[in-house]
Amino acid sequence: MTNYLDFERPLAEIEGKAEELRAMARQNEEMDIEAEAAALDKKAGELLKDLYKNLTPWRKCQVARHPDRPHCKDYIDALFTEYTPLAGDRNFADDHAVMGGLARFNDQPVMVIGQEKGNDTKSRIERNFGMARPEGYRKAIRLMEMADKFGLPVITLVDTPGAYPGKGAEERGQSEAIARSTEKCLQIGVPLVSIIIGEGGSGGAVAFATANRVAMLEHSVYSVITPEGCASILWKDSEKMREAAEAMRLTAKDLKTLAVIDQIIPEPLGGAHRDPQAAITAVGKTIETMLADLTGKSGKKLIADRRKKFLDIGDKGLAA
């Protein structure tokens, strides 16, 4: 069953009518409805192109949050082999919002780390909707340190509305854990590449995405706060999230212009949720290209380039 977003309602009606016709034909083989159904399919295809031709920032937020969009686990299952999950921060607990471990990418040993939102009610609650607690960031630090020790490239998959703001998380040092994770990203002497696959929210995303190369899927978003949160702070009205999304410049196109990211990965027509395999394949090719670009660089060079990349963001953005 297709989950339609609010702005896709006209599309839902057309595709629904086509499916109704085909359901009637399956019950009565004498009915010939294929020509009419094909006409509806054509109309739906044209409408889909029109809807996604020039999405507003708020609509991109909706697409980035689509429940059927492929998540971290989907990418790991499809792109990596011999994945061996590693759990726990060796201090407090294992945070299921963060998954990671040793794996092979194109037969090359790597460390992969990402935020997982879950795909149904049970898994979303277990994964805390991709919002990591301090132990999640400390697990990521532990895995990055291991990768650095054994000379393994690190691949991060970012998909979170932000770090978990609960009382327990704050008591256990949430901000310190995020800062340490960001610091570790800047310290490791191995290639570090990051893909924003859905939402890149606040420091919770930066803690994974302070990388040598950062790419975003076309309809993903990356921002200091959610549009709803921004609207609540600025206008005391979360319903002004559309205006906030426009002002925040959180789309891949905006962030490429500002030099916050290096590359935009095109998505299938209608978003990654309409053709997950195509989106996953495109991400895999991008990771391959980014890693190849970093191969052969010394640890000192990787660290220096990574630091310079982030120190230069403001200057490059203003120049753009």
Protein backbone atom coordinates (compact mmCIF):
# COMPACT_ATOMS: atom_id res chain seq x y z
CA MET A 1 0.00 0.00 0.00
CA THR A 2 1.35 3.40 -1.03
CA ASN A 3 1.58 6.08 1.65
CA TYR A 4 0.74 9.43 0.08
CA LEU A 5 1.88 12.79 1.41
CA ASP A 6 -0.56 15.69 1.79
CA PHE A 7 0.47 17.37 -1.45
CA GLU A 8 0.14 14.04 -3.31
CA ARG A 9 -3.63 13.70 -2.71
CA PRO A 10 -4.58 14.45 -6.36
CA LEU A 11 -2.12 11.74 -7.40
CA ALA A 12 -3.63 9.32 -4.87
CA GLU A 13 -7.08 9.82 -6.39
CA ILE A 14 -5.93 9.09 -9.93
CA GLU A 15 -3.83 6.05 -9.01
CA GLY A 16 -6.68 4.84 -6.78
CA LYS A 17 -9.15 5.00 -9.67
CA ALA A 18 -6.78 3.04 -11.91
CA GLU A 19 -6.39 0.36 -9.25
CA GLU A 20 -10.17 0.19 -8.74
CA LEU A 21 -10.66 -0.42 -12.45
CA ARG A 22 -8.09 -3.21 -12.46
CA ALA A 23 -9.64 -4.75 -9.35
CA MET A 24 -13.03 -4.80 -11.08
CA ALA A 25 -11.46 -6.42 -14.15
CA ARG A 26 -9.90 -9.14 -12.01
CA GLN A 27 -13.37 -10.00 -10.70
CA ASN A 28 -14.99 -9.91 -14.14
CA GLU A 29 -12.70 -11.16 -16.90
CA GLU A 30 -15.09 -9.95 -19.60
CA MET A 31 -14.48 -6.32 -18.68
CA ASP A 32 -11.96 -4.51 -20.89
CA ILE A 33 -10.68 -1.57 -18.93
CA GLU A 34 -7.00 -1.59 -19.86
CA ALA A 35 -7.20 1.41 -22.20
CA GLU A 36 -8.95 3.52 -19.56
CA ALA A 37 -6.56 2.37 -16.83
CA ALA A 38 -3.56 3.09 -19.06
CA ALA A 39 -4.87 6.61 -19.65
CA LEU A 40 -5.12 7.13 -15.89
CA ASP A 41 -1.59 5.78 -15.47
CA LYS A 42 -0.32 8.28 -18.03
CA LYS A 43 -2.15 11.11 -16.29
CA ALA A 44 -0.71 10.03 -12.93
CA GLY A 45 2.80 9.92 -14.37
CA GLU A 46 2.47 13.44 -15.73
CA LEU A 47 1.10 14.70 -12.43
CA LEU A 48 3.95 13.02 -10.51
CA LYS A 49 6.50 14.79 -12.70
CA ASP A 50 4.70 18.09 -12.17
CA LEU A 51 4.50 17.67 -8.38
CA TYR A 52 8.21 16.84 -8.01
CA LYS A 53 9.50 19.26 -10.63
CA ASN A 54 10.01 22.09 -8.17
CA LEU A 55 9.32 21.00 -4.58
CA THR A 56 9.19 23.69 -1.93
CA PRO A 57 11.56 23.30 1.05
CA TRP A 58 8.66 22.22 3.28
CA ARG A 59 7.57 19.56 0.81
CA LYS A 60 11.14 18.31 0.68
CA CYS A 61 10.97 17.97 4.46
CA GLN A 62 7.86 15.84 4.06
CA VAL A 63 9.54 13.64 1.44
CA ALA A 64 12.67 13.29 3.60
CA ARG A 65 10.45 12.00 6.44
CA HIS A 66 8.38 9.62 4.31
CA PRO A 67 7.83 6.38 6.27
CA ASP A 68 8.63 4.23 3.21
CA ARG A 69 11.93 5.95 2.48
CA PRO A 70 14.86 3.52 2.75
CA HIS A 71 16.60 3.80 6.11
CA CYS A 72 20.08 3.00 7.40
CA LYS A 73 19.42 -0.73 7.81
CA ASP A 74 18.15 -0.98 4.23
CA TYR A 75 21.38 0.57 2.90
CA ILE A 76 23.57 -1.65 5.07
CA ASP A 77 21.71 -4.80 4.01
CA ALA A 78 21.92 -3.91 0.31
CA LEU A 79 25.36 -2.32 -0.05
CA PHE A 80 27.55 -4.07 2.52
CA THR A 81 28.62 -7.68 2.97
CA GLU A 82 29.90 -9.53 6.04
CA TYR A 83 28.31 -6.87 8.26
CA THR A 84 29.14 -7.55 11.90
CA PRO A 85 27.20 -5.25 14.25
CA LEU A 86 29.03 -3.87 17.27
CA ALA A 87 26.98 -2.84 20.30
CA GLY A 88 27.33 -0.67 23.38
CA ASP A 89 29.39 2.29 24.49
CA ARG A 90 31.28 0.29 27.17
CA ASN A 91 29.93 2.72 29.72
CA PHE A 92 26.14 2.74 30.08
CA ALA A 93 24.12 0.86 27.43
CA ASP A 94 23.55 0.06 23.78
CA ASP A 95 21.57 2.74 21.93
CA HIS A 96 19.45 1.13 19.22
CA ALA A 97 19.00 4.48 17.45
CA VAL A 98 22.61 4.10 16.30
CA MET A 99 23.71 1.01 14.44
CA GLY A 100 27.19 0.26 13.20
CA GLY A 101 29.88 -2.31 12.78
CA LEU A 102 32.53 -3.88 10.62
CA ALA A 103 31.62 -4.70 7.04
CA ARG A 104 32.91 -4.93 3.50
CA PHE A 105 32.03 -2.41 0.80
CA ASN A 106 32.96 -3.68 -2.66
CA ASP A 107 35.08 -6.23 -0.77
CA GLN A 108 36.98 -3.44 1.03
CA PRO A 109 36.92 -3.63 4.85
CA VAL A 110 35.16 -0.57 6.30
CA MET A 111 33.38 0.67 9.39
CA VAL A 112 29.79 1.72 8.76
CA ILE A 113 27.79 3.78 11.27
CA GLY A 114 24.31 5.25 10.95
CA GLN A 115 21.09 6.36 12.59
CA GLU A 116 18.13 4.02 12.16
CA LYS A 117 14.55 5.26 12.53
CA GLY A 118 12.73 1.93 12.18
CA ASN A 119 9.99 1.00 9.72
CA ASP A 120 6.98 0.10 11.86
CA THR A 121 5.57 1.05 15.25
CA LYS A 122 7.56 -1.53 17.21
CA SER A 123 10.91 -0.83 15.54
CA ARG A 124 10.41 2.95 15.65
CA ILE A 125 9.89 2.84 19.40
CA GLU A 126 12.88 0.51 19.81
CA ARG A 127 15.03 2.83 17.67
CA ASN A 128 13.63 5.96 19.37
CA PHE A 129 12.74 7.32 15.91
CA GLY A 130 16.43 7.73 15.09
CA MET A 131 17.07 10.14 17.97
CA ALA A 132 20.27 9.03 19.67
CA ARG A 133 21.06 9.33 23.37
CA PRO A 134 24.60 9.98 24.70
CA GLU A 135 25.41 6.28 24.62
CA GLY A 136 24.67 6.26 20.89
CA TYR A 137 27.25 8.95 20.20
CA ARG A 138 29.73 7.27 22.53
CA LYS A 139 29.21 4.03 20.62
CA ALA A 140 29.96 5.91 17.40
CA ILE A 141 33.13 7.33 18.98
CA ARG A 142 34.21 3.82 19.99
CA LEU A 143 33.68 2.52 16.45
CA MET A 144 35.54 5.46 14.88
CA GLU A 145 38.47 4.87 17.23
CA MET A 146 38.52 1.20 16.24
CA ALA A 147 38.43 2.12 12.55
CA ASP A 148 41.31 4.55 13.05
CA LYS A 149 43.34 1.92 14.90
CA PHE A 150 42.97 -0.65 12.11
CA GLY A 151 43.08 1.76 9.16
CA LEU A 152 39.48 1.25 8.03
CA PRO A 153 37.54 3.92 6.10
CA VAL A 154 34.44 5.14 7.94
CA ILE A 155 31.08 5.51 6.18
CA THR A 156 28.26 7.27 8.03
CA LEU A 157 24.58 7.29 7.05
CA VAL A 158 22.73 10.23 8.60
CA ASP A 159 18.98 10.18 9.21
CA THR A 160 17.79 11.85 12.39
CA PRO A 161 15.49 14.73 13.38
CA GLY A 162 18.10 15.48 16.06
CA ALA A 163 19.60 14.08 19.22
CA TYR A 164 17.13 12.93 21.89
CA PRO A 165 16.34 15.85 24.25
CA GLY A 166 15.01 13.79 27.17
CA LYS A 167 15.91 14.36 30.81
CA GLY A 168 17.93 11.14 31.12
CA ALA A 169 19.95 11.99 28.00
CA GLU A 170 20.77 15.43 29.37
CA GLU A 171 21.75 13.96 32.75
CA ARG A 172 24.17 11.58 31.02
CA GLY A 173 25.87 14.39 29.08
CA GLN A 174 24.12 14.64 25.73
CA SER A 175 25.84 17.83 24.55
CA GLU A 176 29.26 16.57 25.66
CA ALA A 177 28.76 13.29 23.81
CA ILE A 178 27.74 15.11 20.61
CA ALA A 179 30.75 17.42 20.89
CA ARG A 180 33.10 14.47 21.47
CA SER A 181 31.69 12.63 18.47
CA THR A 182 32.18 15.71 16.27
CA GLU A 183 35.70 16.06 17.65
CA LYS A 184 36.46 12.41 16.88
CA CYS A 185 35.31 12.91 13.30
CA LEU A 186 37.96 15.62 12.98
CA GLN A 187 40.68 13.49 14.60
CA ILE A 188 40.65 10.13 12.83
CA GLY A 189 43.33 9.59 10.20
CA VAL A 190 41.26 7.45 7.85
CA PRO A 191 38.85 8.43 5.04
CA LEU A 192 35.47 9.53 6.40
CA VAL A 193 32.51 9.92 4.04
CA SER A 194 28.95 10.77 5.00
CA ILE A 195 25.58 10.53 3.25
CA ILE A 196 22.47 12.42 4.42
CA ILE A 197 19.82 9.85 3.46
CA GLY A 198 16.78 11.53 5.03
CA GLU A 199 16.85 14.12 7.80
CA GLY A 200 20.05 15.70 9.00
CA GLY A 201 18.95 17.42 12.17
CA SER A 202 21.10 19.70 14.32
CA GLY A 203 24.22 18.58 16.21
CA GLY A 204 22.83 15.07 16.20
CA ALA A 205 23.64 14.93 12.49
CA VAL A 206 26.83 17.00 12.57
CA ALA A 207 28.30 14.49 15.05
CA PHE A 208 28.27 11.91 12.23
CA ALA A 209 28.70 14.17 9.20
CA THR A 210 31.91 16.09 9.92
CA ALA A 211 33.51 14.18 7.08
CA ASN A 212 36.02 14.51 4.24
CA ARG A 213 33.14 14.18 1.78
CA VAL A 214 29.45 14.86 2.48
CA ALA A 215 26.68 14.02 0.02
CA MET A 216 22.91 14.40 0.25
CA LEU A 217 20.09 12.62 -1.47
CA GLU A 218 18.16 15.09 -3.61
CA HIS A 219 15.11 15.31 -1.36
CA SER A 220 16.86 14.99 1.99
CA VAL A 221 17.25 17.98 4.34
CA TYR A 222 20.05 19.18 6.63
CA SER A 223 19.48 21.94 9.17
CA VAL A 224 20.30 23.30 12.62
CA ILE A 225 16.74 22.62 13.82
CA THR A 226 13.48 21.28 12.42
CA PRO A 227 11.23 23.83 10.66
CA GLU A 228 8.60 23.26 13.35
CA GLY A 229 11.14 23.95 16.09
CA CYS A 230 12.41 27.05 14.32
CA ALA A 231 8.87 28.39 13.86
CA SER A 232 8.09 27.76 17.54
CA ILE A 233 11.13 29.76 18.64
CA LEU A 234 10.87 32.64 16.17
CA TRP A 235 7.10 33.08 15.90
CA LYS A 236 5.78 31.04 18.85
CA ASP A 237 3.75 29.13 16.26
CA SER A 238 4.86 25.73 14.95
CA GLU A 239 2.28 26.01 12.14
CA LYS A 240 4.58 28.52 10.44
CA MET A 241 6.94 25.66 9.55
CA ARG A 242 6.56 26.39 5.81
CA GLU A 243 7.93 29.90 6.23
CA ALA A 244 10.70 28.56 8.47
CA ALA A 245 11.68 25.90 5.92
CA GLU A 246 11.93 28.57 3.21
CA ALA A 247 14.17 30.77 5.37
CA MET A 248 16.45 28.02 6.69
CA ARG A 249 17.98 26.99 3.35
CA LEU A 250 17.92 23.35 4.31
CA THR A 251 17.64 21.70 0.88
CA ALA A 252 20.46 19.88 -0.88
CA LYS A 253 20.59 22.54 -3.59
CA ASP A 254 20.96 25.35 -1.05
CA LEU A 255 23.60 23.50 0.95
CA LYS A 256 25.63 22.65 -2.16
CA THR A 257 25.63 26.37 -3.03
CA LEU A 258 26.78 27.20 0.49
CA ALA A 259 29.54 24.53 0.29
CA VAL A 260 28.15 22.71 3.32
CA ILE A 261 27.94 19.53 1.22
CA ASP A 262 29.98 18.32 -1.73
CA GLN A 263 27.50 16.41 -3.85
CA ILE A 264 23.79 15.90 -4.52
CA ILE A 265 22.59 12.37 -5.31
CA PRO A 266 19.59 12.35 -7.69
CA GLU A 267 16.53 10.43 -6.48
CA PRO A 268 14.03 8.41 -8.54
CA LEU A 269 11.00 10.35 -9.76
CA GLY A 270 8.64 10.73 -6.80
CA GLY A 271 11.36 10.29 -4.19
CA ALA A 272 13.46 7.43 -2.86
CA HIS A 273 10.38 5.76 -1.34
CA ARG A 274 8.94 5.07 -4.82
CA ASP A 275 12.00 3.14 -5.96
CA PRO A 276 14.18 2.28 -2.94
CA GLN A 277 16.51 0.02 -4.87
CA ALA A 278 17.37 2.75 -7.38
CA ALA A 279 18.09 5.19 -4.55
CA ILE A 280 20.25 2.65 -2.71
CA THR A 281 22.20 1.90 -5.90
CA ALA A 282 22.82 5.61 -6.48
CA VAL A 283 24.09 6.02 -2.90
CA GLY A 284 26.39 3.01 -3.34
CA LYS A 285 27.94 4.52 -6.49
CA THR A 286 28.47 7.82 -4.72
CA ILE A 287 30.19 6.16 -1.76
CA GLU A 288 32.43 4.26 -4.17
CA THR A 289 33.42 7.47 -5.97
CA MET A 290 34.07 9.40 -2.75
CA LEU A 291 36.20 6.65 -1.24
CA ALA A 292 38.21 6.31 -4.46
CA ASP A 293 38.89 10.05 -4.37
CA LEU A 294 40.37 9.73 -0.86
CA THR A 295 42.38 6.56 -1.43
CA GLY A 296 46.12 6.97 -1.05
CA LYS A 297 46.00 10.13 1.07
CA SER A 298 47.96 10.03 4.30
CA GLY A 299 46.29 10.29 7.67
CA LYS A 300 47.75 13.75 8.24
CA LYS A 301 46.49 14.93 4.86
CA LEU A 302 42.99 13.55 5.49
CA ILE A 303 42.79 15.27 8.88
CA ALA A 304 44.13 18.57 7.54
CA ASP A 305 41.77 18.55 4.54
CA ARG A 306 38.79 17.68 6.74
CA ARG A 307 39.50 20.51 9.17
CA LYS A 308 40.06 23.01 6.34
CA LYS A 309 36.84 21.93 4.65
CA PHE A 310 34.76 22.95 7.66
CA LEU A 311 36.75 26.07 8.50
CA ASP A 312 36.24 27.29 4.93
CA ILE A 313 32.47 26.73 4.78
CA GLY A 314 31.52 30.29 5.74
CA ASP A 315 33.94 31.91 3.29
CA LYS A 316 32.90 29.65 0.42
CA GLY A 317 29.23 30.14 1.21
CA LEU A 318 29.57 33.93 1.17
CA ALA A 319 31.55 33.80 -2.06
CA ALA A 320 28.84 31.65 -3.65
